[in-house]
Protein backbone atom coordinates (compact mmCIF):
# COMPACT_ATOMS: atom_id res chain seq x y z
CA MET A 1 0.00 0.00 0.00
CA PRO A 2 2.67 2.54 -0.98
CA PHE A 3 1.93 6.12 -0.07
CA GLY A 4 -1.49 4.87 0.93
CA HIS A 5 -4.02 4.86 3.72
CA HIS A 6 -5.54 1.61 4.81
CA LEU A 7 -8.34 0.25 6.94
CA SER A 8 -8.08 -0.43 10.61
CA ALA A 9 -9.43 -3.77 11.65
CA ARG A 10 -9.24 -2.88 15.30
CA PRO A 11 -12.34 -4.07 17.03
CA THR A 12 -14.66 -1.08 17.22
CA THR A 13 -14.61 0.71 13.87
CA THR A 14 -14.10 0.31 10.18
CA SER A 15 -12.53 3.73 9.76
CA PRO A 16 -9.48 4.26 7.58
CA VAL A 17 -6.54 4.96 9.85
CA GLY A 18 -3.35 4.93 7.85
CA THR A 19 -1.56 8.21 7.54
CA GLN A 20 1.85 6.61 7.35
CA GLN A 21 3.21 6.53 3.84
CA ARG A 22 4.96 3.56 2.40
CA ARG A 23 6.02 1.55 -0.63
CA ARG A 24 5.95 -2.19 -0.54
CA HIS A 25 9.08 -3.42 -2.24
CA ALA A 26 12.69 -3.51 -1.12
CA VAL A 27 13.78 -1.74 -4.30
CA VAL A 28 11.16 0.96 -3.82
CA ARG A 29 11.84 1.49 -0.11
CA ARG A 30 14.90 3.53 -1.01
CA ALA A 31 12.65 5.75 -3.13
CA VAL A 32 10.39 6.23 -0.12
CA VAL A 33 13.27 7.52 1.99
CA SER A 34 14.02 10.05 -0.73
CA ALA A 35 10.35 10.93 -1.17
CA VAL A 36 9.78 11.43 2.54
CA ALA A 37 12.94 13.51 2.82
CA ALA A 38 11.85 15.63 -0.14
CA THR A 39 8.41 16.15 1.41
CA ALA A 40 9.98 17.14 4.71
CA LEU A 41 12.15 19.63 2.86
CA VAL A 42 9.19 21.16 1.02
CA CYS A 43 7.00 21.40 4.12
CA GLY A 44 9.91 22.21 6.44
CA VAL A 45 10.46 25.66 4.89
CA ALA A 46 7.31 26.69 6.72
CA ALA A 47 9.10 26.95 10.04
CA GLN A 48 11.21 29.78 8.65
CA ALA A 49 8.42 31.52 6.72
CA GLY A 50 6.76 34.18 8.83
CA ALA A 51 2.98 34.07 8.57
CA GLN A 52 1.44 37.23 7.18
CA THR A 53 -1.95 38.57 8.14
CA SER A 54 -4.79 40.17 6.22
CA ALA A 55 -7.84 42.18 7.29
CA THR A 56 -10.14 39.89 5.32
CA PRO A 57 -8.24 36.64 4.80
CA VAL A 58 -9.35 34.38 1.98
CA THR A 59 -10.30 30.89 3.05
CA PHE A 60 -9.31 27.94 0.86
CA THR A 61 -11.45 24.78 1.04
CA PHE A 62 -10.02 21.51 -0.24
CA TYR A 63 -12.83 19.27 -1.48
CA GLY A 64 -11.90 15.76 -2.47
CA ARG A 65 -12.46 12.05 -2.79
CA GLY A 66 -10.85 8.87 -1.57
CA ASN A 67 -8.35 7.85 1.07
CA GLY A 68 -5.01 6.62 -0.21
CA HIS A 69 -2.99 6.44 -3.41
CA GLY A 70 -5.77 5.12 -5.67
CA ILE A 71 -3.73 2.31 -7.21
CA GLY A 72 -5.07 -1.23 -7.30
CA MET A 73 -7.78 -2.42 -4.92
CA SER A 74 -10.04 -0.20 -2.86
CA GLN A 75 -10.70 -2.02 0.41
CA TRP A 76 -14.07 -0.33 0.83
CA GLY A 77 -14.70 -1.06 -2.83
CA ALA A 78 -13.98 -4.74 -2.26
CA GLU A 79 -16.60 -4.75 0.49
CA GLY A 80 -19.05 -2.90 -1.74
CA ALA A 81 -18.47 -5.37 -4.58
CA ALA A 82 -18.88 -8.32 -2.22
CA LEU A 83 -22.18 -6.89 -0.98
CA GLN A 84 -23.30 -6.81 -4.61
CA GLY A 85 -22.54 -10.51 -5.00
CA LEU A 86 -19.12 -10.49 -6.66
CA SER A 87 -16.73 -13.28 -5.74
CA ALA A 88 -13.16 -12.72 -4.61
CA ALA A 89 -11.92 -13.75 -8.05
CA GLN A 90 -14.22 -11.22 -9.73
CA ILE A 91 -13.10 -8.50 -7.32
CA MET A 92 -9.43 -9.13 -8.11
CA ALA A 93 -10.12 -9.23 -11.86
CA PHE A 94 -11.96 -5.90 -11.57
CA TYR A 95 -9.18 -4.05 -9.74
CA PHE A 96 -6.28 -5.77 -11.52
CA PRO A 97 -7.51 -6.09 -15.14
CA GLY A 98 -5.87 -8.69 -17.30
CA THR A 99 -4.55 -10.74 -14.37
CA THR A 100 -5.42 -14.26 -13.33
CA LEU A 101 -5.45 -16.19 -10.05
CA SER A 102 -2.83 -18.91 -9.79
CA VAL A 103 -1.82 -21.44 -7.15
CA VAL A 104 1.72 -20.66 -6.05
CA PRO A 105 4.24 -22.52 -3.85
CA THR A 106 4.15 -21.70 -0.15
CA THR A 107 7.09 -20.13 1.62
CA THR A 108 8.31 -18.64 4.88
CA ILE A 109 8.26 -14.89 5.33
CA ARG A 110 10.42 -12.85 7.71
CA VAL A 111 8.68 -9.96 9.42
CA GLN A 112 10.55 -7.23 11.28
CA LEU A 113 8.63 -6.64 14.52
CA ALA A 114 11.21 -4.14 15.82
CA GLY A 115 14.39 -2.59 14.49
CA TYR A 116 17.19 -0.52 16.01
CA ALA A 117 15.78 -0.95 19.51
CA ALA A 118 17.55 -0.55 22.86
CA GLN A 119 15.53 -3.35 24.46
CA PHE A 120 12.26 -5.27 24.29
CA GLY A 121 10.55 -8.26 25.83
CA ILE A 122 10.52 -11.85 24.55
CA GLY A 123 9.07 -15.13 25.83
CA VAL A 124 6.74 -18.03 25.05
CA SER A 125 3.09 -18.83 25.52
CA GLY A 126 2.95 -22.56 26.22
CA THR A 127 6.14 -24.52 25.73
CA GLY A 128 9.40 -23.39 24.14
CA HIS A 129 13.02 -22.46 24.76
CA LEU A 130 15.68 -19.89 23.97
CA LEU A 131 18.36 -20.96 21.50
CA ASP A 132 21.81 -19.36 21.43
CA VAL A 133 22.57 -19.70 17.71
CA ALA A 134 26.36 -19.32 18.10
CA THR A 135 26.81 -22.03 20.76
CA GLY A 136 23.72 -24.17 20.20
CA ALA A 137 22.87 -23.92 23.91
CA GLN A 138 19.18 -24.05 24.88
CA PHE A 139 17.57 -22.34 27.87
CA ALA A 140 14.11 -23.19 29.19
CA LEU A 141 11.55 -20.38 29.12
CA SER A 142 8.54 -20.23 31.45
CA SER A 143 5.16 -19.69 29.80
CA GLY A 144 3.83 -16.14 30.04
CA VAL A 145 7.03 -14.70 31.54
CA ASN A 146 8.42 -11.56 29.88
CA TYR A 147 12.22 -11.81 29.49
CA THR A 148 14.15 -8.63 28.72
CA VAL A 149 16.71 -8.63 25.93
CA ARG A 150 19.31 -5.91 25.30
CA PRO A 151 22.29 -5.58 22.94
CA SER A 152 25.61 -6.85 24.24
CA GLY A 153 28.71 -6.69 22.06
CA THR A 154 27.92 -8.59 18.86
CA GLY A 155 25.03 -10.42 20.52
CA ALA A 156 22.40 -9.96 23.19
CA VAL A 157 21.92 -10.41 26.90
CA VAL A 158 18.65 -11.97 28.10
CA THR A 159 17.45 -11.52 31.69
CA ASN A 160 14.42 -12.78 33.61
CA PRO A 161 12.07 -10.46 35.56
CA ALA A 162 14.33 -10.76 38.63
CA GLY A 163 17.31 -9.46 36.62
CA THR A 164 19.12 -12.78 36.46
CA VAL A 165 21.06 -13.31 33.22
CA ILE A 166 19.67 -16.27 31.26
CA ASP A 167 22.10 -15.99 28.34
CA ARG A 168 24.78 -13.63 27.09
CA SER A 169 25.32 -14.43 23.41
CA THR A 170 27.91 -13.45 20.84
CA GLY A 171 25.40 -13.74 18.00
CA PRO A 172 21.65 -14.03 17.40
CA VAL A 173 19.28 -15.75 19.84
CA GLU A 174 16.01 -17.42 18.90
CA VAL A 175 12.74 -18.02 20.72
CA VAL A 176 11.73 -21.52 19.61
CA PRO A 177 8.17 -22.58 20.49
CA THR A 178 7.49 -26.33 20.76
CA GLY A 179 4.26 -28.24 20.38
CA THR A 180 1.38 -25.78 20.36
CA GLY A 181 3.48 -23.05 21.94
CA LEU A 182 3.81 -19.53 20.54
CA ALA A 183 6.64 -17.01 20.57
CA GLU A 184 5.95 -13.77 22.42
CA PHE A 185 7.19 -10.29 21.57
CA ASN A 186 6.48 -7.60 24.17
CA GLY A 187 3.79 -9.85 25.58
CA ALA A 188 1.98 -10.44 22.25
CA PRO A 189 1.93 -13.98 20.79
CA TYR A 190 3.17 -14.80 17.29
CA ARG A 191 3.36 -18.00 15.28
CA GLY A 192 6.75 -19.21 14.06
CA LEU A 193 10.23 -18.36 15.33
CA LEU A 194 11.44 -15.09 16.83
CA THR A 195 15.06 -14.14 16.11
CA VAL A 196 16.90 -11.36 17.95
CA SER A 197 20.01 -9.90 16.26
CA GLU A 198 22.44 -7.14 17.18
CA SER A 199 23.51 -4.37 14.80
CA GLY A 200 25.36 -1.16 15.63
CA GLY A 201 24.62 -1.34 19.34
CA THR A 202 20.90 -1.95 18.80
CA ILE A 203 18.76 -5.06 18.42
CA SER A 204 16.03 -6.15 16.02
CA ALA A 205 13.30 -8.78 16.29
CA ILE A 206 12.42 -10.86 13.22
CA ASN A 207 9.43 -13.22 13.14
CA SER A 208 9.99 -16.10 10.67
CA VAL A 209 6.58 -17.57 9.96
CA ALA A 210 4.85 -19.69 7.31
CA LEU A 211 3.12 -17.46 4.76
CA GLU A 212 -0.39 -18.78 5.43
CA SER A 213 0.09 -18.30 9.19
CA TYR A 214 1.38 -14.79 8.55
CA LEU A 215 -1.78 -13.98 6.59
CA ARG A 216 -3.93 -15.02 9.55
CA GLY A 217 -2.44 -12.04 11.38
CA VAL A 218 -2.50 -9.67 8.39
CA VAL A 219 -6.03 -9.92 6.97
CA PRO A 220 -7.90 -8.97 10.18
CA SER A 221 -5.32 -6.22 10.80
CA GLU A 222 -5.95 -4.72 7.36
CA MET A 223 -9.71 -5.23 7.06
CA PRO A 224 -12.53 -5.58 9.64
CA SER A 225 -13.22 -9.26 10.26
CA SER A 226 -16.97 -8.56 10.25
CA TRP A 227 -16.97 -7.82 6.52
CA VAL A 228 -18.43 -10.02 3.78
CA PRO A 229 -16.46 -13.26 3.15
CA ALA A 230 -15.71 -12.41 -0.49
CA ALA A 231 -14.12 -9.10 0.56
CA LEU A 232 -12.00 -10.84 3.21
CA GLN A 233 -10.93 -13.42 0.62
CA ALA A 234 -9.95 -10.64 -1.79
CA GLN A 235 -7.88 -9.05 0.98
CA ALA A 236 -6.21 -12.40 1.67
CA ILE A 237 -5.28 -12.81 -2.00
CA ALA A 238 -3.95 -9.26 -2.22
CA ALA A 239 -1.95 -9.64 1.00
CA ARG A 240 -0.52 -12.99 -0.12
CA SER A 241 0.48 -11.65 -3.53
CA TYR A 242 2.14 -8.62 -2.00
CA ALA A 243 4.03 -10.73 0.54
CA LEU A 244 5.30 -13.10 -2.15
CA ARG A 245 6.69 -10.18 -4.15
CA SER A 246 8.42 -8.91 -1.01
CA VAL A 247 10.52 -12.01 -0.30
CA HIS A 248 14.23 -11.10 -0.66
CA PRO A 249 16.55 -13.89 0.58
CA SER A 250 19.64 -11.66 0.52
CA ALA A 251 18.07 -9.10 2.89
CA SER A 252 17.85 -9.42 6.68
CA PHE A 253 14.04 -9.45 6.54
CA ASP A 254 11.25 -9.31 3.96
CA VAL A 255 8.49 -7.05 5.29
CA TYR A 256 7.73 -4.64 8.10
CA SER A 257 4.92 -5.40 10.54
CA ASP A 258 3.31 -1.99 10.05
CA THR A 259 1.98 0.22 7.28
CA ARG A 260 5.36 0.45 5.59
CA SER A 261 4.44 -3.01 4.31
CA GLN A 262 1.28 -4.63 5.67
CA GLU A 263 -0.25 -4.32 9.12
CA TYR A 264 0.53 -7.53 11.04
CA LEU A 265 -0.63 -7.93 14.64
CA GLY A 266 -0.01 -11.65 15.08
CA VAL A 267 -2.23 -14.10 16.92
CA ASN A 268 -4.07 -11.40 18.88
CA ALA A 269 -5.66 -10.16 15.65
CA GLU A 270 -6.77 -13.56 14.35
CA ALA A 271 -10.49 -14.19 13.87
CA ALA A 272 -12.52 -17.15 12.65
CA SER A 273 -13.88 -15.25 9.63
CA THR A 274 -10.47 -14.13 8.38
CA ASP A 275 -8.92 -17.53 9.11
CA ALA A 276 -11.64 -18.96 6.86
CA ALA A 277 -10.82 -16.39 4.15
CA VAL A 278 -7.14 -17.35 4.23
CA SER A 279 -8.01 -21.04 4.12
CA ALA A 280 -10.53 -20.60 1.27
CA THR A 281 -7.88 -18.90 -0.89
CA ASN A 282 -4.95 -21.07 0.21
CA SER A 283 -1.89 -20.47 -2.00
CA GLU A 284 -3.84 -18.28 -4.48
CA ALA A 285 -2.04 -15.20 -5.83
CA VAL A 286 -2.62 -12.62 -8.55
CA THR A 287 -0.39 -13.26 -11.57
CA TYR A 288 0.27 -11.64 -14.93
CA ASN A 289 2.04 -13.63 -17.63
CA GLY A 290 2.97 -16.19 -14.99
CA ALA A 291 4.59 -13.72 -12.55
CA VAL A 292 3.10 -12.71 -9.20
CA VAL A 293 1.78 -9.14 -9.19
CA GLU A 294 2.69 -6.67 -6.45
CA THR A 295 -0.91 -5.99 -5.45
CA PHE A 296 -1.28 -2.50 -4.01
CA PHE A 297 -4.41 -1.50 -2.16
CA ALA A 298 -5.72 1.41 -0.11
CA ALA A 299 -8.82 2.28 1.90
CA SER A 300 -10.85 4.14 -0.76
CA ASP A 301 -10.25 5.16 -4.37
CA GLY A 302 -13.01 7.79 -4.39
CA GLY A 303 -14.77 6.12 -7.32
CA GLN A 304 -11.91 5.65 -9.77
CA THR A 305 -8.43 4.16 -9.58
CA GLU A 306 -5.41 5.80 -11.21
CA ASN A 307 -2.73 4.76 -13.68
CA ILE A 308 0.34 3.84 -11.65
CA ALA A 309 2.65 5.97 -13.81
CA ASN A 310 0.61 9.07 -12.95
CA VAL A 311 1.20 8.50 -9.23
CA TRP A 312 4.75 7.18 -8.91
CA GLY A 313 6.10 7.56 -12.42
CA GLY A 314 8.09 4.75 -13.95
CA THR A 315 6.91 2.23 -16.49
CA PRO A 316 3.13 1.89 -16.99
CA GLN A 317 1.72 -1.51 -16.05
CA PRO A 318 -1.22 -3.06 -17.95
CA TYR A 319 -2.91 -4.19 -14.72
CA TYR A 320 -2.48 -0.79 -13.01
CA VAL A 321 -4.69 1.32 -15.25
CA SER A 322 -7.55 3.60 -14.23
CA VAL A 323 -10.85 1.80 -13.59
CA VAL A 324 -14.13 3.50 -12.74
CA ASP A 325 -15.23 2.00 -9.42
CA PRO A 326 -18.93 2.17 -8.45
CA TYR A 327 -18.40 -0.17 -5.49
CA ASP A 328 -16.30 2.36 -3.56
CA ALA A 329 -19.43 4.49 -3.03
CA ILE A 330 -19.99 2.89 0.38
CA ALA A 331 -16.70 4.33 1.70
CA PRO A 332 -17.01 7.14 4.28
CA SER A 333 -14.24 8.97 2.41
CA HIS A 334 -15.71 8.33 -1.05
CA LEU A 335 -16.50 12.06 -0.97
CA TRP A 336 -14.86 14.01 1.86
CA ARG A 337 -17.49 14.85 4.44
CA SER A 338 -15.52 17.60 6.20
CA PRO A 339 -13.31 19.33 3.61
CA PRO A 340 -10.36 21.00 5.37
CA GLN A 341 -10.10 24.78 5.24
CA PHE A 342 -7.05 27.05 5.44
CA THR A 343 -6.34 30.75 5.22
CA GLY A 344 -3.76 31.96 2.74
CA ALA A 345 -1.30 32.48 5.57
CA GLN A 346 -1.89 28.99 6.92
CA LEU A 347 -1.39 27.50 3.46
CA GLY A 348 1.83 29.42 3.01
CA SER A 349 3.11 28.14 6.34
CA LEU A 350 2.09 24.52 5.82
CA LEU A 351 3.30 24.39 2.21
CA GLY A 352 6.54 26.16 3.09
CA THR A 353 6.13 28.81 0.39
CA GLY A 354 7.59 31.68 2.40
CA GLY A 355 4.54 33.89 1.85
CA VAL A 356 0.76 34.18 1.88
CA VAL A 357 -0.99 32.04 -0.76
CA THR A 358 -3.53 33.81 -2.96
CA SER A 359 -4.49 30.95 -5.29
CA VAL A 360 -3.96 27.25 -5.96
CA ASN A 361 -4.46 26.30 -9.61
CA VAL A 362 -4.26 22.70 -10.77
CA VAL A 363 -2.37 22.51 -14.07
CA LYS A 364 -2.18 18.74 -14.56
CA ARG A 365 -4.41 15.89 -13.46
CA GLY A 366 -4.31 12.14 -13.87
CA VAL A 367 -7.11 10.11 -15.36
CA SER A 368 -9.07 9.79 -12.13
CA PRO A 369 -8.53 12.93 -11.89
CA ARG A 370 -5.90 13.08 -9.12
CA VAL A 371 -3.71 16.15 -8.96
CA MET A 372 -0.28 15.67 -10.53
CA LEU A 373 0.88 19.30 -10.59
CA ALA A 374 -0.46 22.61 -9.28
CA ASP A 375 0.71 26.24 -9.33
CA VAL A 376 0.65 27.96 -5.93
CA THR A 377 0.55 31.75 -6.32
CA LEU A 378 1.74 34.03 -3.52
CA GLN A 379 0.75 37.55 -2.51
CA SER A 380 4.10 38.68 -3.89
CA GLY A 381 3.14 37.39 -7.33
CA ALA A 382 5.56 34.48 -7.21
CA VAL A 383 4.27 31.19 -8.61
CA ILE A 384 5.53 27.97 -7.05
CA PRO A 385 4.86 24.64 -8.82
CA MET A 386 4.04 21.78 -6.44
CA THR A 387 3.13 18.16 -7.00
CA GLY A 388 -0.20 16.84 -5.76
CA SER A 389 1.69 14.43 -3.52
CA ASP A 390 3.58 17.28 -1.84
CA ILE A 391 0.35 19.21 -1.24
CA GLU A 392 -1.32 16.09 0.14
CA ALA A 393 1.57 15.41 2.51
CA CYS A 394 2.01 19.00 3.71
CA LEU A 395 -1.70 19.59 4.34
CA GLY A 396 -2.47 16.10 5.66
CA LEU A 397 -5.07 15.43 2.95
CA SER A 398 -6.52 11.96 2.45
CA SER A 399 -5.53 11.71 -1.21
CA THR A 400 -4.41 13.73 -4.22
CA TRP A 401 -7.93 13.72 -5.68
CA PHE A 402 -8.93 17.22 -4.66
CA TRP A 403 -10.23 20.50 -6.01
CA VAL A 404 -9.91 23.88 -4.34
CA GLY A 405 -12.51 26.53 -3.51
CA GLN A 406 -11.88 30.10 -2.37
CA SER A 407 -14.21 32.10 -0.13
CA ASN A 408 -13.96 35.09 -2.50
CA LEU A 409 -15.03 33.02 -5.52
CA PRO A 410 -18.11 30.93 -6.47
CA LEU A 411 -18.16 27.32 -5.31
CA PRO A 412 -15.90 25.23 -7.56
CA THR A 413 -17.15 22.54 -9.89
CA GLU A 414 -15.82 19.06 -9.28
CA PRO A 415 -13.38 18.09 -12.05
CA ALA A 416 -14.51 15.32 -14.34
CA GLY A 417 -12.48 12.14 -14.70
CA GLY A 418 -10.75 11.29 -17.91
CA ALA A 419 -11.36 8.30 -20.17
CA PRO A 420 -10.13 5.30 -18.15
CA ALA A 421 -8.80 2.15 -19.71
CA THR A 422 -11.53 -0.45 -20.05
CA PRO A 423 -11.07 -3.44 -17.72
CA THR A 424 -10.52 -6.71 -19.54
CA ALA A 425 -12.71 -8.50 -16.99
CA LYS A 426 -16.45 -8.26 -17.61
CA VAL A 427 -18.10 -7.26 -14.36
CA VAL A 428 -21.83 -6.65 -14.00
CA VAL A 429 -22.51 -3.59 -11.84
CA HIS A 430 -25.44 -3.85 -9.43
CA PRO A 431 -26.01 -0.34 -8.04
CA ILE A 432 -26.90 0.13 -4.38
CA LEU A 433 -30.47 1.23 -3.77
CA GLY A 434 -30.64 3.09 -0.46
CA SER A 435 -33.66 2.50 1.79
CA TYR A 436 -34.01 6.20 2.64
CA MET A 437 -34.10 9.27 0.41
CA LEU A 438 -33.77 12.94 1.39
CA LEU A 439 -36.45 14.72 -0.64
CA VAL A 440 -35.85 18.38 -1.50
CA ALA A 441 -38.85 18.89 -3.81
CA LYS A 442 -41.10 17.16 -6.30
CA SER A 443 -42.70 18.36 -9.50
CA SER A 444 -44.50 17.13 -12.58
CA ASN A 445 -42.13 19.30 -14.65
CA ARG A 446 -38.97 17.36 -15.40
CA ALA A 447 -37.01 20.35 -16.71
CA TRP A 448 -37.78 22.31 -13.55
CA ALA A 449 -36.68 19.38 -11.38
CA ASN A 450 -33.41 19.08 -13.30
CA ARG A 451 -32.71 22.82 -12.90
CA LEU A 452 -33.36 22.61 -9.17
CA ALA A 453 -31.13 19.53 -8.86
CA GLN A 454 -28.28 21.47 -10.48
CA ARG A 455 -28.60 24.13 -7.78
CA VAL A 456 -28.76 21.61 -4.94
CA ARG A 457 -25.71 19.73 -6.26
CA ARG A 458 -23.58 22.74 -5.32
CA ILE A 459 -24.39 21.84 -1.72
CA ALA A 460 -25.06 18.09 -1.98
CA PRO A 461 -22.99 16.74 -4.91
CA GLY A 462 -24.87 13.41 -4.96
CA THR A 463 -28.27 15.03 -5.73
CA GLN A 464 -30.30 13.21 -8.38
CA VAL A 465 -33.75 13.31 -9.96
CA ILE A 466 -35.95 10.24 -9.40
CA SER A 467 -38.94 9.57 -11.63
CA ARG A 468 -42.10 8.03 -10.13
CA ARG A 469 -45.58 7.34 -11.48
CA VAL A 470 -48.24 8.45 -8.98
CA ASN A 471 -51.97 8.06 -9.81
CA TRP A 472 -51.24 7.81 -13.53
CA ARG A 473 -49.07 10.95 -13.38
CA ARG A 474 -45.32 11.18 -13.77
CA VAL A 475 -43.68 12.93 -10.80
CA TYR A 476 -40.02 13.92 -10.54
CA LEU A 477 -38.36 13.87 -7.09
CA VAL A 478 -35.27 15.96 -6.38
CA VAL A 479 -33.32 13.77 -3.94
CA ALA A 480 -30.21 15.08 -2.15
CA LEU A 481 -29.21 11.73 -0.66
CA ARG A 482 -29.91 7.99 -0.92
CA THR A 483 -28.72 5.98 2.04
CA ASN A 484 -29.32 2.78 3.97
CA SER A 485 -28.98 4.73 7.24
CA ARG A 486 -31.84 6.75 8.70
CA GLY A 487 -29.26 8.55 10.83
CA SER A 488 -27.31 9.67 7.74
CA ALA A 489 -30.52 11.00 6.22
CA THR A 490 -31.30 12.93 9.41
CA ASN A 491 -27.80 14.38 9.51
CA GLY A 492 -28.25 15.48 5.91
CA GLN A 493 -31.49 17.19 6.84
CA THR A 494 -29.71 19.15 9.55
CA THR A 495 -26.96 20.31 7.21
CA LEU A 496 -29.35 21.37 4.46
CA ARG A 497 -31.46 23.23 7.00
CA LYS A 498 -28.41 25.36 7.78
CA TRP A 499 -28.33 26.26 4.10
CA GLY A 500 -31.98 27.31 4.32
CA TRP A 501 -33.42 24.21 2.64
CA ARG A 502 -36.11 22.17 4.36
CA THR A 503 -36.27 18.54 3.33
CA THR A 504 -38.24 15.39 4.04
CA VAL A 505 -36.95 11.87 4.69
CA ILE A 506 -38.93 9.35 2.63
CA ARG A 507 -38.58 5.63 1.96
CA ALA A 508 -37.30 4.41 -1.37
CA LEU A 509 -39.65 2.16 -3.34
CA ARG A 510 -38.72 -1.02 -5.15
CA SER A 511 -40.15 0.56 -8.29
CA ASP A 512 -37.72 3.50 -8.05
CA PRO A 513 -35.10 3.34 -10.80
CA ALA A 514 -31.62 2.45 -9.60
CA PRO A 515 -29.30 5.47 -9.39
CA ARG A 516 -26.28 5.85 -11.63
CA PRO A 517 -23.29 4.22 -9.89
CA SER A 518 -21.35 7.49 -10.06
CA SER A 519 -24.03 9.29 -8.03
CA ILE A 520 -24.54 6.74 -5.28
CA GLU A 521 -23.83 8.01 -1.78
CA THR A 522 -24.49 5.96 1.35
CA VAL A 523 -23.41 8.60 3.84
CA ALA A 524 -24.52 12.21 4.14
CA VAL A 525 -21.95 14.17 2.15
CA PHE A 526 -22.62 17.89 1.95
CA VAL A 527 -20.67 21.09 1.64
CA ALA A 528 -20.35 22.83 5.01
CA PRO A 529 -22.50 25.99 5.11
CA PRO A 530 -20.78 29.39 5.44
CA ALA A 531 -21.75 32.03 8.01
CA VAL A 532 -23.82 33.80 5.35
CA VAL A 533 -25.43 31.68 2.67
CA PRO A 534 -25.16 33.23 -0.82
CA ALA A 535 -28.52 34.22 -2.27
CA SER A 536 -27.86 32.01 -5.30
CA LEU A 537 -27.92 28.94 -3.05
CA LEU A 538 -31.03 29.80 -1.07
CA PRO A 539 -34.34 28.05 -1.90
CA GLY A 540 -36.26 29.81 -4.65
CA THR A 541 -39.74 29.70 -3.08
CA PRO A 542 -41.33 28.49 0.18
CA SER A 543 -42.99 25.65 -1.70
CA VAL A 544 -39.61 24.38 -2.89
CA ALA A 545 -38.11 24.59 0.59
CA SER A 546 -40.98 22.66 2.13
CA GLY A 547 -40.72 19.82 -0.31
CA ALA A 548 -44.21 20.43 -1.73
CA ALA A 549 -44.82 20.31 -5.46
CA PRO A 550 -43.74 23.71 -6.84
CA PRO A 551 -45.32 25.31 -9.86
CA PRO A 552 -43.49 24.51 -13.11
CA LYS A 553 -40.94 27.10 -14.17
């Protein structure tokens, strides 16, 4: 999940959590160090740039979509596709067009649980012993006891809770579980072996574990275990494929245990549903022309993935092309619910421009359309080109799919996506039909309803016109939101009321036409109202605001 944000599978929520940025390949990790350093340099200028003030500062609002890099699989999209009846194989074919699923040989993967540490705890749960690799000596370990290990010369010193030295090695030591025992690191159990090595006066902990056992700790750490089986199976396949591409025998370890590679929380994270997903997809990986694909994924793609070359440069890949994604519509970050706002002085400080920002103009977008390059203009007249990735990192945005509004200008129009490459896999789209609709108005005049919908879309971008036949008459409903949550509909009512619009929550009918996938919203997503609502966005007449049938116009 390079430069991406992922899902937390921690027990209580399904919210995207990842703000750490990473690439998932040993060769690319070096690029990450350079990229992070470059970002720090760009943003770091801010500390030296004195913030300027203005009597009437302009406020910049960053509207946007998605959470993460937008390459490969959307995790929320996988859940949305699974809810629509797609299998794991269909989900993978959709997000990685032109690929196939293949059975691949199993292997052992080495996971760095800690690196360059001064000390940490090790032990066993059940039965096991400590092995001094240099001498071959074994030392019994008591179940559930936390032994402290510190660097010592070229090896490590291991002490029990009383401070008694168990072993002082001249090389690595290993925690070797026996029978049904498990290795413990800082009190948390892990399958496989745990190796402690010294380097430069610090120690590292490497968990060597069978790939399928590793996945049992990855899948529920990356995706909520309560999700639909097909989504969990897709996550298992993606995680397995990524891990296989990360195996590098000449390196000291293969993957990190955090978001620099894949989140891995060991046995504590395991769940019956995700164990079943790993088992159901045993040894299956995504391949292209016989080679395993490095399967990137992130929390939400905002409704369209991006060509990999437009995000990280390099050689385009046929299975990393832009795909329009209707399934991602269930993601909370599909359309940003609370667009961040900054003054020109704040932008100048955060972006490290050395002056007050007066405009941000996007000059190049990708297919999706994520921002590739933008011109940042200062009060002094200077124009500073910045990449979308730099702006995302400096401002803490969820993705590079954003568009910018200014308080001294009309509300911006969302940029349209380009012409994405057509997926080679044929996937039937089954749009989501929300149980509740937020009715703004209804009319027998279709043209009037369409004009009103255009106005409301400036506040509620997902607004659509629904056609119904009532008592042999055709009626057109202007609907600001379709959702499966009554609470989301009520929240939408509250927001629109602040804009001066009164709405009504009604139930969707089975006879209602399904919405276009691109307009589906399952959470209340509205533009935050300003202190003074512009007259152009106020309701036209009391009858419109009340939701009653207005006279045709």
